Amino acid sequence: MNGRLTRRRLLRTTTVPATILLAGCSEIGAVTVHNASVERSDVYAGDEVAVEVVVKNTGISSDDARVSVSVNGTVVDETMVRVGARGRKTVTLTHRFDEPGTHSLAVNGVTAGTVTVEPVVSVATASLCESTANLGEAVQIDATVRNRGETRENASLVLRADGSSVERKEMTVPADAETDLTLRFCPAAAGTYDVTVNDTALGTLTVADAWQQFGYDSANTGHDDGATMPSERPSREWSAWLGEGSRSSPVASGDTVFVGVGNPYGASDVGAVAAFRCHDGKARWRTETEGPVFGSPALAGGRVIVGTTDGALRDVESYRDLGGHISAYSMDDGTSVWSRSVESPVLGSPTVDGDGVYVTVTDGTVLALDAVDGHQRWHRSVAEPGYLTPAVADDTLFVGGSGGTLRALDAADGSERWQHDAGGMIWNSPTVADDTVYVGGGSGSIESSGSTLRAVSVADGTGRWKRKLDGVMSGSFAVDDDGLYASVGISVWGIDREDGRVRWRGPDARAGASGGSPAVVDGTVYAGVGRVNGGLIFAFDTESGDVEWQREVDAGGNSPAVHDGTVYATVGFGNLLALR
């Protein structure tokens, strides 16, 4: 009896080790990743990075575990690890990084850190030479590229403005060396731009507006709502004698106004480009050109770009019997930068868009050139004499031919997108606004009694409306949100953009005819009317057509430009006039 009680007490009171109780049972190991860390967090492409992993076994028996390293969620290396009971072990895994960027690493779900991979060839330094610029100027970016590798490496540098690529340069950089280079940005519009080279942020560039070319912008709208208005009753601020006469519309950027020079009647083979200070009309520079300049200059890439006629009309039967040039001069001092000869004269104005230059030649050739160095991007023959200024909008080039065909070409390569038959000669350079391109012309000669205004779809060239006018249109058009403004006969008209309905007609010129293209700024239309013996420059209210002011000049008719509170126009036989 007592023996049995003793044994029961012993069983109730004695502690038995767990290893004895579990002997012979199957134990599941508890091996886990205790921590993980990367050897280094900043490397270059092609480098290997070691990941140190501490594995811990909390179980009572040895066990195996699979240790996996993942980069951005993808397993890139793994190994099997055996860890003794209640032990720990350190293992090292490696991964070679070839793709630049920031990569997240983990081991069995435990964060190991991030690794930033720089390319072997990278931008060591880059800077904007200026933080402000005027439209038409080229902005220079200086950069240094570093190759940290042991062999020569190819590299691409991409200059971006607001995320859009504006220039790319390919290069080869010697081993363990640096290479310096220059990039250029030619803004297509005023505003502010965040500028980067590859992934290097350079800061913000502020570009001031300018009357950059014929018709103000690449679409020939003649409309600058951001310009400062002249005073309510402007007076003659200054005038400058050009010498050989001019039918060029002035262009202006910063404190400089530029104009082409050439006898408007083709009686001379002398031509020039001239630059004057905006505030007082003092000459900055004047450069002789290969021949008369009949169109307007265009500003792009720090260049003043013009087309010329090589020779005088009086010496030949037709302009097409002469040659021509497209030439560029420095905006700063007028030195020649580049020049290209063409088979026929250039009578219209160059159109610029960013660093692209587009020109029509009288033999029917359309050219696309680089503004900075003049190299040809593409050319196309349209088999119609080209006397007009092209327009560019939405990566499309619009060209009007004297044979009556309006063409839309891809601005990148010159391939044709569509044609529109205008039913007769096209007399007016195309104007593009929103989704519509406007042209004017008629059947027969420009001396005929009437003309037809047409609105054409930008997308596919289908006609939207046409309106017969009892006068001949000249120059090009100006547009604003709902109005179209044109020189018609010996007056200026306001026309509804939706259907071509004539809203108002300005007073007739006292002599000659209206000419050139109006300009529109903040609800006011500026236009020159009259030729010799009684020219006028008018300002009209866009809604009513009421005359806000008028100024008598020696003779009017050429297209005005509005810049920084001043109206500029060539008047008489070779005067550049500033009204402020």
Protein backbone atom coordinates (compact mmCIF):
# COMPACT_ATOMS: atom_id res chain seq x y z
CA MET A 1 0.00 0.00 0.00
CA ASN A 2 2.65 2.50 0.99
CA GLY A 3 4.76 1.55 -2.01
CA ARG A 4 1.99 2.28 -4.43
CA LEU A 5 1.38 5.71 -2.88
CA THR A 6 5.06 6.52 -3.08
CA ARG A 7 5.22 5.76 -6.75
CA ARG A 8 2.13 7.91 -7.48
CA ARG A 9 3.59 10.83 -5.59
CA LEU A 10 6.81 10.45 -7.51
CA LEU A 11 5.03 10.60 -10.85
CA ARG A 12 3.02 13.66 -9.85
CA THR A 13 5.93 15.63 -8.45
CA THR A 14 8.90 14.79 -10.70
CA THR A 15 9.72 17.12 -13.68
CA VAL A 16 10.59 15.23 -16.87
CA PRO A 17 12.76 16.98 -19.49
CA ALA A 18 10.94 17.78 -22.77
CA THR A 19 13.63 16.02 -24.76
CA ILE A 20 12.71 12.76 -22.99
CA LEU A 21 8.98 13.27 -23.49
CA LEU A 22 9.48 14.09 -27.24
CA ALA A 23 12.05 11.43 -27.89
CA GLY A 24 11.08 9.44 -30.96
CA CYS A 25 8.69 12.18 -32.21
CA SER A 26 9.25 14.09 -35.55
CA GLU A 27 10.27 17.79 -34.91
CA ILE A 28 9.65 20.51 -37.62
CA GLY A 29 12.61 22.93 -37.69
CA ALA A 30 12.20 26.71 -37.23
CA VAL A 31 14.89 28.26 -39.46
CA THR A 32 14.19 31.89 -40.38
CA VAL A 33 16.06 34.91 -41.73
CA HIS A 34 17.00 36.97 -38.71
CA ASN A 35 18.25 39.99 -40.69
CA ALA A 36 19.72 40.90 -44.06
CA SER A 37 21.77 43.83 -45.31
CA VAL A 38 23.47 44.98 -48.51
CA GLU A 39 27.21 45.48 -48.60
CA ARG A 40 26.93 48.87 -50.34
CA SER A 41 24.02 50.95 -51.57
CA ASP A 42 25.63 53.00 -54.35
CA VAL A 43 27.28 51.18 -57.26
CA TYR A 44 27.88 51.45 -60.99
CA ALA A 45 26.33 49.29 -63.68
CA GLY A 46 28.19 45.99 -63.93
CA ASP A 47 29.16 45.92 -60.24
CA GLU A 48 28.31 42.97 -57.97
CA VAL A 49 26.71 43.61 -54.61
CA ALA A 50 26.98 41.21 -51.68
CA VAL A 51 23.98 40.61 -49.44
CA GLU A 52 24.81 39.37 -45.93
CA VAL A 53 22.11 37.17 -44.41
CA VAL A 54 21.87 35.97 -40.80
CA VAL A 55 19.80 32.79 -40.53
CA LYS A 56 18.50 31.67 -37.11
CA ASN A 57 17.09 28.32 -35.99
CA THR A 58 14.80 28.54 -33.00
CA GLY A 59 14.01 24.85 -33.14
CA ILE A 60 15.42 22.02 -31.06
CA SER A 61 16.94 20.16 -33.98
CA SER A 62 19.08 20.97 -37.00
CA ASP A 63 17.19 21.88 -40.11
CA ASP A 64 17.64 23.08 -43.70
CA ALA A 65 16.14 26.24 -45.24
CA ARG A 66 16.14 27.87 -48.67
CA VAL A 67 17.46 31.43 -48.63
CA SER A 68 16.38 33.54 -51.64
CA VAL A 69 17.45 37.05 -52.62
CA SER A 70 14.94 39.07 -54.68
CA VAL A 71 15.44 42.36 -56.54
CA ASN A 72 12.31 44.39 -57.11
CA GLY A 73 10.26 41.28 -56.30
CA THR A 74 12.11 38.88 -58.63
CA VAL A 75 14.33 36.13 -57.19
CA VAL A 76 17.88 36.52 -58.51
CA ASP A 77 19.93 34.18 -56.27
CA GLU A 78 19.28 31.45 -53.71
CA THR A 79 21.01 28.77 -51.65
CA MET A 80 20.22 26.02 -49.13
CA VAL A 81 21.42 26.57 -45.57
CA ARG A 82 21.58 24.05 -42.71
CA VAL A 83 21.49 25.47 -39.20
CA GLY A 84 21.99 23.55 -35.99
CA ALA A 85 19.47 23.46 -33.17
CA ARG A 86 19.06 26.87 -31.54
CA GLY A 87 21.90 28.14 -33.70
CA ARG A 88 22.50 30.82 -36.28
CA LYS A 89 24.59 31.08 -39.44
CA THR A 90 25.73 33.95 -41.69
CA VAL A 91 25.70 33.45 -45.44
CA THR A 92 26.53 35.81 -48.31
CA LEU A 93 24.80 35.97 -51.67
CA THR A 94 25.70 38.25 -54.59
CA HIS A 95 23.99 39.89 -57.54
CA ARG A 96 25.39 41.79 -60.52
CA PHE A 97 23.47 44.99 -61.35
CA ASP A 98 23.42 45.97 -65.02
CA GLU A 99 20.37 48.27 -65.13
CA PRO A 100 20.76 51.81 -63.75
CA GLY A 101 18.15 52.90 -61.25
CA THR A 102 17.14 52.30 -57.64
CA HIS A 103 16.43 48.67 -56.75
CA SER A 104 14.81 47.16 -53.64
CA LEU A 105 16.35 43.96 -52.21
CA ALA A 106 14.78 41.44 -49.84
CA VAL A 107 15.70 37.99 -48.50
CA ASN A 108 12.78 35.64 -47.88
CA GLY A 109 10.60 38.71 -47.52
CA VAL A 110 12.91 40.48 -45.07
CA THR A 111 14.01 43.88 -46.36
CA ALA A 112 17.74 44.03 -47.04
CA GLY A 113 17.88 47.62 -48.31
CA THR A 114 18.06 49.50 -51.62
CA VAL A 115 20.84 49.79 -54.15
CA THR A 116 21.21 52.78 -56.47
CA VAL A 117 22.95 51.88 -59.70
CA GLU A 118 24.61 54.60 -61.73
CA PRO A 119 25.63 54.01 -65.36
CA VAL A 120 29.33 53.54 -66.02
CA VAL A 121 29.08 56.53 -68.33
CA SER A 122 27.12 59.34 -66.73
CA VAL A 123 26.69 63.09 -66.65
CA ALA A 124 29.29 64.41 -64.24
CA THR A 125 28.18 68.04 -64.48
CA ALA A 126 25.64 70.01 -66.54
CA SER A 127 24.42 73.58 -66.33
CA LEU A 128 22.20 76.10 -68.05
CA CYS A 129 24.34 78.97 -69.26
CA GLU A 130 21.39 81.33 -68.78
CA SER A 131 18.19 81.02 -66.76
CA THR A 132 16.30 83.50 -68.98
CA ALA A 133 16.09 83.90 -72.74
CA ASN A 134 14.03 85.55 -75.46
CA LEU A 135 12.05 83.55 -77.96
CA GLY A 136 14.21 83.03 -81.04
CA GLU A 137 17.42 82.66 -79.09
CA ALA A 138 19.28 79.41 -78.54
CA VAL A 139 19.85 78.37 -74.95
CA GLN A 140 23.22 76.71 -74.36
CA ILE A 141 23.77 73.85 -71.94
CA ASP A 142 27.33 72.82 -71.06
CA ALA A 143 27.83 69.23 -69.91
CA THR A 144 30.67 66.93 -68.89
CA VAL A 145 30.33 63.16 -69.38
CA ARG A 146 32.40 60.79 -67.24
CA ASN A 147 33.35 57.20 -68.12
CA ARG A 148 34.42 55.25 -65.03
CA GLY A 149 34.94 52.04 -66.94
CA GLU A 150 38.11 50.41 -68.16
CA THR A 151 37.12 50.46 -71.84
CA ARG A 152 35.72 53.02 -74.30
CA GLU A 153 31.99 53.35 -73.87
CA ASN A 154 29.16 54.74 -76.00
CA ALA A 155 26.75 57.16 -74.39
CA SER A 156 23.56 59.02 -75.24
CA LEU A 157 22.73 62.41 -73.82
CA VAL A 158 19.12 63.51 -74.01
CA LEU A 159 18.20 67.13 -73.34
CA ARG A 160 14.59 67.47 -72.18
CA ALA A 161 12.34 70.45 -71.54
CA ASP A 162 9.27 69.70 -69.44
CA GLY A 163 9.90 66.02 -70.09
CA SER A 164 9.96 66.28 -73.90
CA SER A 165 13.16 65.45 -75.75
CA VAL A 166 14.54 68.51 -77.58
CA GLU A 167 18.05 67.29 -78.50
CA ARG A 168 19.96 64.02 -78.41
CA LYS A 169 23.70 63.51 -78.84
CA GLU A 170 25.54 60.23 -79.24
CA MET A 171 29.20 60.00 -78.27
CA THR A 172 32.08 57.68 -77.42
CA VAL A 173 33.93 58.41 -74.18
CA PRO A 174 37.45 57.07 -73.65
CA ALA A 175 38.15 54.76 -70.73
CA ASP A 176 38.45 56.44 -67.34
CA ALA A 177 38.06 59.89 -68.88
CA GLU A 178 35.75 62.88 -69.22
CA THR A 179 34.35 64.52 -72.36
CA ASP A 180 32.88 68.03 -72.57
CA LEU A 181 30.08 68.93 -74.95
CA THR A 182 27.46 71.58 -75.66
CA LEU A 183 23.73 71.10 -76.14
CA ARG A 184 21.28 73.70 -77.43
CA PHE A 185 17.60 74.25 -76.78
CA CYS A 186 15.56 76.36 -79.21
CA PRO A 187 12.20 77.02 -77.49
CA ALA A 188 9.15 77.00 -79.76
CA ALA A 189 7.04 79.09 -77.39
CA ALA A 190 7.39 81.50 -74.50
CA GLY A 191 6.97 80.20 -70.95
CA THR A 192 8.89 78.35 -68.25
CA TYR A 193 10.62 75.02 -68.80
CA ASP A 194 12.10 72.47 -66.40
CA VAL A 195 15.32 71.40 -68.11
CA THR A 196 17.14 68.08 -67.60
CA VAL A 197 20.03 66.22 -69.20
CA ASN A 198 19.38 62.50 -68.79
CA ASP A 199 18.42 62.34 -65.10
CA THR A 200 20.27 65.49 -64.06
CA ALA A 201 17.96 68.43 -63.30
CA LEU A 202 19.38 71.76 -64.45
CA GLY A 203 16.70 74.11 -63.17
CA THR A 204 14.03 76.31 -64.71
CA LEU A 205 14.39 78.33 -67.90
CA THR A 206 12.12 81.35 -68.43
CA VAL A 207 11.56 82.34 -72.07
CA ALA A 208 10.14 85.79 -72.88
CA ASP A 209 7.75 86.19 -75.80
CA ALA A 210 8.74 87.73 -79.15
CA TRP A 211 7.25 88.57 -82.53
CA GLN A 212 9.42 85.81 -83.93
CA GLN A 213 8.44 85.64 -87.61
CA PHE A 214 5.91 86.61 -90.25
CA GLY A 215 2.45 86.32 -88.71
CA TYR A 216 3.92 86.22 -85.16
CA ASP A 217 4.10 82.43 -84.79
CA SER A 218 4.59 79.28 -86.86
CA ALA A 219 0.83 79.02 -87.52
CA ASN A 220 0.75 82.55 -89.06
CA THR A 221 -1.97 83.61 -86.63
CA GLY A 222 -0.80 87.21 -86.26
CA HIS A 223 -2.20 86.95 -82.74
CA ASP A 224 -0.24 87.71 -79.57
CA ASP A 225 -2.52 88.13 -76.60
CA GLY A 226 0.41 88.31 -74.21
CA ALA A 227 1.96 91.39 -75.80
CA THR A 228 1.98 94.74 -74.09
CA MET A 229 -0.47 97.11 -75.77
CA PRO A 230 0.69 100.41 -77.26
CA SER A 231 -0.76 103.53 -75.67
CA GLU A 232 -4.31 104.57 -76.57
CA ARG A 233 -2.97 107.28 -78.84
CA PRO A 234 0.49 106.20 -79.95
CA SER A 235 2.81 108.62 -81.64
CA ARG A 236 5.85 108.21 -83.86
CA GLU A 237 8.67 107.15 -81.55
CA TRP A 238 11.33 106.84 -84.23
CA SER A 239 11.91 105.86 -87.84
CA ALA A 240 14.94 104.39 -89.58
CA TRP A 241 15.90 104.62 -93.25
CA LEU A 242 16.55 101.21 -94.83
CA GLY A 243 18.08 102.42 -98.07
CA GLU A 244 16.79 100.03 -100.73
CA GLY A 245 13.13 99.84 -99.75
CA SER A 246 11.36 96.95 -98.08
CA ARG A 247 8.17 94.96 -98.14
CA SER A 248 9.31 92.89 -95.17
CA SER A 249 7.29 92.63 -91.98
CA PRO A 250 9.53 93.44 -89.00
CA VAL A 251 10.21 90.86 -86.29
CA ALA A 252 11.34 91.64 -82.76
CA SER A 253 12.88 89.88 -79.78
CA GLY A 254 14.15 91.45 -76.58
CA ASP A 255 15.34 94.97 -77.36
CA THR A 256 16.05 94.35 -81.05
CA VAL A 257 13.83 94.65 -84.12
CA PHE A 258 14.96 93.00 -87.37
CA VAL A 259 13.87 93.67 -90.94
CA GLY A 260 14.72 92.50 -94.45
CA VAL A 261 15.78 94.95 -97.14
CA GLY A 262 15.11 94.69 -100.87
CA ASN A 263 13.62 96.84 -103.59
CA PRO A 264 9.91 95.87 -103.58
CA TYR A 265 9.66 96.42 -107.35
CA GLY A 266 12.56 94.14 -108.25
CA ALA A 267 14.59 97.02 -109.66
CA SER A 268 17.78 96.22 -107.74
CA ASP A 269 19.86 93.18 -106.88
CA VAL A 270 20.91 94.62 -103.50
CA GLY A 271 19.58 93.15 -100.27
CA ALA A 272 20.34 93.21 -96.56
CA VAL A 273 19.21 92.28 -93.08
CA ALA A 274 19.21 95.11 -90.56
CA ALA A 275 18.83 95.21 -86.76
CA PHE A 276 17.80 98.23 -84.66
CA ARG A 277 17.41 98.92 -80.96
CA CYS A 278 13.76 98.84 -80.02
CA HIS A 279 13.86 101.67 -77.54
CA ASP A 280 15.44 104.34 -79.73
CA GLY A 281 15.88 102.98 -83.28
CA LYS A 282 19.67 103.12 -83.27
CA ALA A 283 21.26 100.68 -85.71
CA ARG A 284 22.81 97.60 -84.12
CA TRP A 285 24.12 96.05 -87.31
CA ARG A 286 23.42 95.66 -91.01
CA THR A 287 24.61 92.76 -93.19
CA GLU A 288 24.44 92.57 -96.97
CA THR A 289 22.72 89.43 -98.28
CA GLU A 290 23.14 87.47 -101.53
CA GLY A 291 20.19 89.36 -103.03
CA PRO A 292 17.01 91.25 -102.14
CA VAL A 293 14.98 90.03 -99.16
CA PHE A 294 11.28 90.16 -100.04
CA GLY A 295 9.90 88.16 -97.13
CA SER A 296 10.25 88.65 -93.41
CA PRO A 297 13.13 87.37 -91.32
CA ALA A 298 12.51 84.53 -88.86
CA LEU A 299 14.30 84.09 -85.54
CA ALA A 300 15.39 80.67 -84.29
CA GLY A 301 18.44 79.12 -82.69
CA GLY A 302 20.00 82.55 -82.19
CA ARG A 303 19.86 83.09 -85.96
CA VAL A 304 18.13 85.62 -88.20
CA ILE A 305 17.00 83.53 -91.16
CA VAL A 306 15.97 84.99 -94.53
CA GLY A 307 15.29 83.91 -98.09
CA THR A 308 16.68 85.91 -101.00
CA THR A 309 16.39 86.41 -104.73
CA ASP A 310 19.77 86.37 -106.43
CA GLY A 311 19.52 89.17 -108.95
CA ALA A 312 17.09 91.83 -110.13
CA LEU A 313 13.77 91.18 -111.85
CA ARG A 314 14.54 93.85 -114.40
CA ASP A 315 17.26 91.63 -115.83
CA VAL A 316 15.06 88.60 -116.54
CA GLU A 317 11.58 87.75 -117.80
CA SER A 318 10.47 85.96 -114.62
CA TYR A 319 11.56 85.52 -111.01
CA ARG A 320 11.86 81.82 -111.76
CA ASP A 321 14.80 82.58 -114.06
CA LEU A 322 16.82 83.66 -111.02
CA GLY A 323 18.38 81.67 -108.20
CA GLY A 324 18.06 82.17 -104.49
CA HIS A 325 19.53 81.55 -101.06
CA ILE A 326 18.36 80.67 -97.58
CA SER A 327 20.79 82.25 -95.15
CA ALA A 328 21.24 82.66 -91.41
CA TYR A 329 23.00 85.43 -89.49
CA SER A 330 23.83 85.85 -85.82
CA MET A 331 21.15 87.71 -83.90
CA ASP A 332 23.90 89.35 -81.85
CA ASP A 333 26.07 90.92 -84.51
CA GLY A 334 24.83 89.91 -87.99
CA THR A 335 27.79 87.70 -88.88
CA SER A 336 27.02 85.00 -91.43
CA VAL A 337 26.46 81.58 -89.84
CA TRP A 338 25.32 79.43 -92.76
CA SER A 339 23.84 79.73 -96.25
CA ARG A 340 22.27 77.32 -98.74
CA SER A 341 21.71 78.04 -102.44
CA VAL A 342 18.43 77.03 -104.10
CA GLU A 343 17.46 76.84 -107.77
CA SER A 344 14.84 79.60 -107.64
CA PRO A 345 14.11 82.71 -105.57
CA VAL A 346 12.56 82.61 -102.12
CA LEU A 347 9.77 85.19 -102.20
CA GLY A 348 7.90 84.16 -99.07
CA SER A 349 9.17 84.14 -95.50
CA PRO A 350 10.81 81.24 -93.69
CA THR A 351 8.66 79.65 -91.00
CA VAL A 352 10.37 78.42 -87.83
CA ASP A 353 9.16 75.98 -85.21
CA GLY A 354 11.65 75.22 -82.45
CA ASP A 355 14.91 74.49 -84.27
CA GLY A 356 13.19 73.66 -87.57
CA VAL A 357 13.08 76.01 -90.58
CA TYR A 358 10.55 75.52 -93.40
CA VAL A 359 10.80 77.34 -96.72
CA THR A 360 8.93 77.24 -100.04
CA VAL A 361 10.88 78.03 -103.20
CA THR A 362 9.32 79.42 -106.38
CA ASP A 363 10.17 76.25 -108.35
CA GLY A 364 7.83 74.26 -106.09
CA THR A 365 10.43 72.88 -103.71
CA VAL A 366 9.66 72.71 -100.00
CA LEU A 367 12.67 72.51 -97.69
CA ALA A 368 13.09 71.65 -94.02
CA LEU A 369 16.39 72.81 -92.50
CA ASP A 370 18.04 72.94 -89.10
CA ALA A 371 18.07 76.47 -87.70
CA VAL A 372 21.39 76.13 -85.90
CA ASP A 373 23.63 74.77 -88.67
CA GLY A 374 21.43 74.82 -91.80
CA HIS A 375 21.68 71.12 -92.62
CA GLN A 376 18.82 69.77 -94.73
CA ARG A 377 16.36 67.54 -92.92
CA TRP A 378 14.23 66.80 -95.98
CA HIS A 379 13.00 68.30 -99.22
CA ARG A 380 9.95 67.71 -101.38
CA SER A 381 8.77 68.95 -104.76
CA VAL A 382 5.08 69.83 -104.92
CA ALA A 383 5.10 70.70 -108.64
CA GLU A 384 3.46 74.09 -108.06
CA PRO A 385 5.26 77.42 -107.87
CA GLY A 386 5.57 78.45 -104.23
CA TYR A 387 5.39 82.15 -103.44
CA LEU A 388 3.76 81.91 -100.02
CA THR A 389 4.88 81.43 -96.43
CA PRO A 390 4.09 77.96 -95.04
CA ALA A 391 2.43 77.39 -91.65
CA VAL A 392 3.25 74.77 -89.01
CA ALA A 393 0.88 73.44 -86.36
CA ASP A 394 0.57 70.10 -84.57
CA ASP A 395 3.63 68.65 -86.37
CA THR A 396 2.03 69.39 -89.74
CA LEU A 397 3.29 71.76 -92.43
CA PHE A 398 0.65 73.54 -94.54
CA VAL A 399 1.72 74.75 -97.98
CA GLY A 400 -0.36 76.73 -100.44
CA GLY A 401 0.52 76.51 -104.13
CA SER A 402 -0.24 78.96 -106.90
CA GLY A 403 -1.86 76.08 -108.80
CA GLY A 404 -4.67 76.00 -106.24
CA THR A 405 -3.68 73.04 -104.04
CA LEU A 406 -3.39 73.27 -100.27
CA ARG A 407 -1.15 70.50 -98.96
CA ALA A 408 -0.57 69.12 -95.49
CA LEU A 409 2.87 67.54 -95.04
CA ASP A 410 4.36 65.73 -92.09
CA ALA A 411 6.75 68.27 -90.57
CA ALA A 412 9.16 65.49 -89.56
CA ASP A 413 9.79 63.95 -93.00
CA GLY A 414 7.75 65.85 -95.63
CA SER A 415 5.42 62.96 -96.44
CA GLU A 416 2.02 64.08 -97.68
CA ARG A 417 -0.97 63.73 -95.38
CA TRP A 418 -3.67 65.22 -97.58
CA GLN A 419 -4.49 67.65 -100.40
CA HIS A 420 -7.33 70.13 -100.75
CA ASP A 421 -8.35 71.67 -104.10
CA ALA A 422 -8.98 75.37 -103.47
CA GLY A 423 -10.67 75.81 -106.85
CA GLY A 424 -8.22 78.43 -108.08
CA MET A 425 -4.98 80.21 -107.25
CA ILE A 426 -4.13 80.51 -103.56
CA TRP A 427 -3.05 84.07 -102.85
CA ASN A 428 -2.77 84.03 -99.07
CA SER A 429 -0.32 82.18 -96.89
CA PRO A 430 -2.20 79.59 -94.80
CA THR A 431 -3.27 80.49 -91.28
CA VAL A 432 -4.00 77.76 -88.73
CA ALA A 433 -6.19 78.18 -85.65
CA ASP A 434 -7.38 75.28 -83.49
CA ASP A 435 -8.53 72.58 -85.92
CA THR A 436 -8.97 74.76 -89.02
CA VAL A 437 -6.65 76.13 -91.69
CA TYR A 438 -7.73 79.23 -93.62
CA VAL A 439 -6.69 80.17 -97.15
CA GLY A 440 -7.88 82.69 -99.69
CA GLY A 441 -7.63 82.95 -103.46
CA GLY A 442 -9.62 82.93 -106.63
CA SER A 443 -9.78 81.86 -110.23
CA GLY A 444 -7.60 83.86 -112.55
CA SER A 445 -5.22 86.65 -111.64
CA ILE A 446 -5.02 88.58 -108.42
CA GLU A 447 -6.44 91.59 -110.25
CA SER A 448 -9.82 89.85 -110.61
CA SER A 449 -12.86 91.39 -108.96
CA GLY A 450 -13.39 88.93 -106.14
CA SER A 451 -11.88 86.16 -104.09
CA THR A 452 -12.94 83.15 -102.04
CA LEU A 453 -12.11 82.48 -98.40
CA ARG A 454 -12.00 78.82 -97.39
CA ALA A 455 -11.95 77.00 -94.05
CA VAL A 456 -10.42 73.52 -94.22
CA SER A 457 -10.14 70.76 -91.63
CA VAL A 458 -6.62 70.37 -90.24
CA ALA A 459 -7.21 66.66 -89.67
CA ASP A 460 -8.16 65.48 -93.18
CA GLY A 461 -8.37 68.46 -95.56
CA THR A 462 -12.14 68.42 -95.98
CA GLY A 463 -13.75 71.77 -96.66
CA ARG A 464 -15.80 73.24 -93.83
CA TRP A 465 -17.11 76.35 -95.50
CA LYS A 466 -16.24 78.85 -98.21
CA ARG A 467 -17.27 82.45 -98.61
CA LYS A 468 -17.18 84.59 -101.75
CA LEU A 469 -15.86 88.09 -101.07
CA ASP A 470 -16.31 91.09 -103.36
CA GLY A 471 -12.71 92.12 -103.02
CA VAL A 472 -9.23 90.66 -103.44
CA MET A 473 -7.48 89.42 -100.31
CA SER A 474 -3.78 90.07 -99.86
CA GLY A 475 -1.16 89.13 -97.33
CA SER A 476 -2.28 86.56 -94.81
CA PHE A 477 -4.89 86.52 -92.06
CA ALA A 478 -4.88 87.22 -88.37
CA VAL A 479 -7.13 85.29 -86.00
CA ASP A 480 -8.33 85.42 -82.44
CA ASP A 481 -10.80 83.25 -80.53
CA ASP A 482 -13.71 83.78 -82.91
CA GLY A 483 -12.63 86.30 -85.53
CA LEU A 484 -10.63 86.29 -88.75
CA TYR A 485 -9.10 89.56 -89.98
CA ALA A 486 -7.91 90.17 -93.53
CA SER A 487 -6.77 92.89 -95.90
CA VAL A 488 -9.42 92.94 -98.64
CA GLY A 489 -9.31 95.38 -101.51
CA ILE A 490 -8.44 98.78 -100.05
CA SER A 491 -9.69 98.02 -96.55
CA VAL A 492 -9.49 95.64 -93.59
CA TRP A 493 -12.39 93.31 -92.79
CA GLY A 494 -13.50 91.41 -89.71
CA ILE A 495 -14.92 87.96 -90.51
CA ASP A 496 -16.61 85.30 -88.37
CA ARG A 497 -14.45 82.18 -88.07
CA GLU A 498 -17.43 79.85 -87.81
CA ASP A 499 -19.01 80.51 -91.19
CA GLY A 500 -17.10 83.28 -93.02
CA ARG A 501 -19.79 85.89 -92.44
CA VAL A 502 -18.43 89.45 -92.77
CA ARG A 503 -18.84 91.24 -89.44
CA TRP A 504 -17.45 94.61 -90.36
CA ARG A 505 -15.45 96.53 -92.94
CA GLY A 506 -12.94 99.19 -92.06
CA PRO A 507 -12.69 102.48 -93.95
CA ASP A 508 -11.13 102.39 -97.40
CA ALA A 509 -7.62 103.59 -97.95
CA ARG A 510 -7.38 106.92 -99.68
CA ALA A 511 -5.12 105.59 -102.40
CA GLY A 512 -3.66 102.36 -103.67
CA ALA A 513 -4.73 99.26 -101.78
CA SER A 514 -4.45 97.55 -98.44
CA GLY A 515 -1.65 95.06 -98.13
CA GLY A 516 0.16 92.79 -95.79
CA SER A 517 -1.34 90.95 -92.87
CA PRO A 518 -3.05 92.46 -89.83
CA ALA A 519 -1.89 91.86 -86.27
CA VAL A 520 -4.20 91.18 -83.32
CA VAL A 521 -3.39 91.98 -79.70
CA ASP A 522 -5.87 91.97 -76.83
CA GLY A 523 -9.00 92.96 -78.75
CA THR A 524 -7.35 95.32 -81.22
CA VAL A 525 -6.49 94.77 -84.89
CA TYR A 526 -3.50 96.68 -86.29
CA ALA A 527 -3.13 97.06 -90.05
CA GLY A 528 -1.48 99.25 -92.66
CA VAL A 529 -3.53 100.42 -95.61
CA GLY A 530 -2.72 102.50 -98.66
CA ARG A 531 0.40 102.55 -100.78
CA VAL A 532 1.89 105.80 -102.03
CA ASN A 533 0.27 109.18 -101.44
CA GLY A 534 -1.63 108.68 -98.26
CA GLY A 535 -0.79 105.65 -96.21
CA LEU A 536 -2.40 104.97 -92.85
CA ILE A 537 -1.87 102.64 -89.94
CA PHE A 538 -5.16 101.78 -88.25
CA ALA A 539 -6.19 100.20 -84.96
CA PHE A 540 -9.66 98.59 -85.07
CA ASP A 541 -11.82 97.11 -82.32
CA THR A 542 -12.07 93.38 -83.08
CA GLU A 543 -15.78 93.12 -82.21
CA SER A 544 -17.24 96.23 -83.84
CA GLY A 545 -14.59 97.33 -86.32
CA ASP A 546 -14.65 100.82 -84.82
CA VAL A 547 -11.46 102.78 -85.43
CA GLU A 548 -9.61 103.16 -82.14
CA TRP A 549 -6.91 105.33 -83.68
CA GLN A 550 -5.20 106.01 -86.99
CA ARG A 551 -1.85 107.52 -87.91
CA GLU A 552 -0.82 108.98 -91.23
CA VAL A 553 2.44 107.66 -92.64
CA ASP A 554 4.36 108.21 -95.84
CA ALA A 555 2.71 105.11 -97.23
CA GLY A 556 1.31 102.01 -95.62
CA GLY A 557 0.56 98.46 -96.55
CA ASN A 558 3.14 96.12 -95.11
CA SER A 559 2.39 93.79 -92.22
CA PRO A 560 2.89 95.36 -88.78
CA ALA A 561 4.39 93.65 -85.75
CA VAL A 562 3.53 94.41 -82.12
CA HIS A 563 6.20 93.98 -79.47
CA ASP A 564 6.67 95.38 -75.98
CA GLY A 565 4.14 98.20 -76.35
CA THR A 566 5.25 99.26 -79.84
CA VAL A 567 3.82 98.83 -83.35
CA TYR A 568 6.54 98.33 -85.97
CA ALA A 569 5.94 98.57 -89.73
CA THR A 570 7.87 99.26 -92.90
CA VAL A 571 6.33 102.27 -94.61
CA GLY A 572 6.97 104.47 -97.60
CA PHE A 573 9.90 103.43 -99.74
CA GLY A 574 12.22 102.02 -97.12
CA ASN A 575 11.44 103.40 -93.66
CA LEU A 576 11.04 101.31 -90.53
CA LEU A 577 8.55 103.06 -88.26
CA ALA A 578 7.96 102.61 -84.52
CA LEU A 579 4.67 103.84 -82.98
CA ARG A 580 4.47 103.86 -79.19
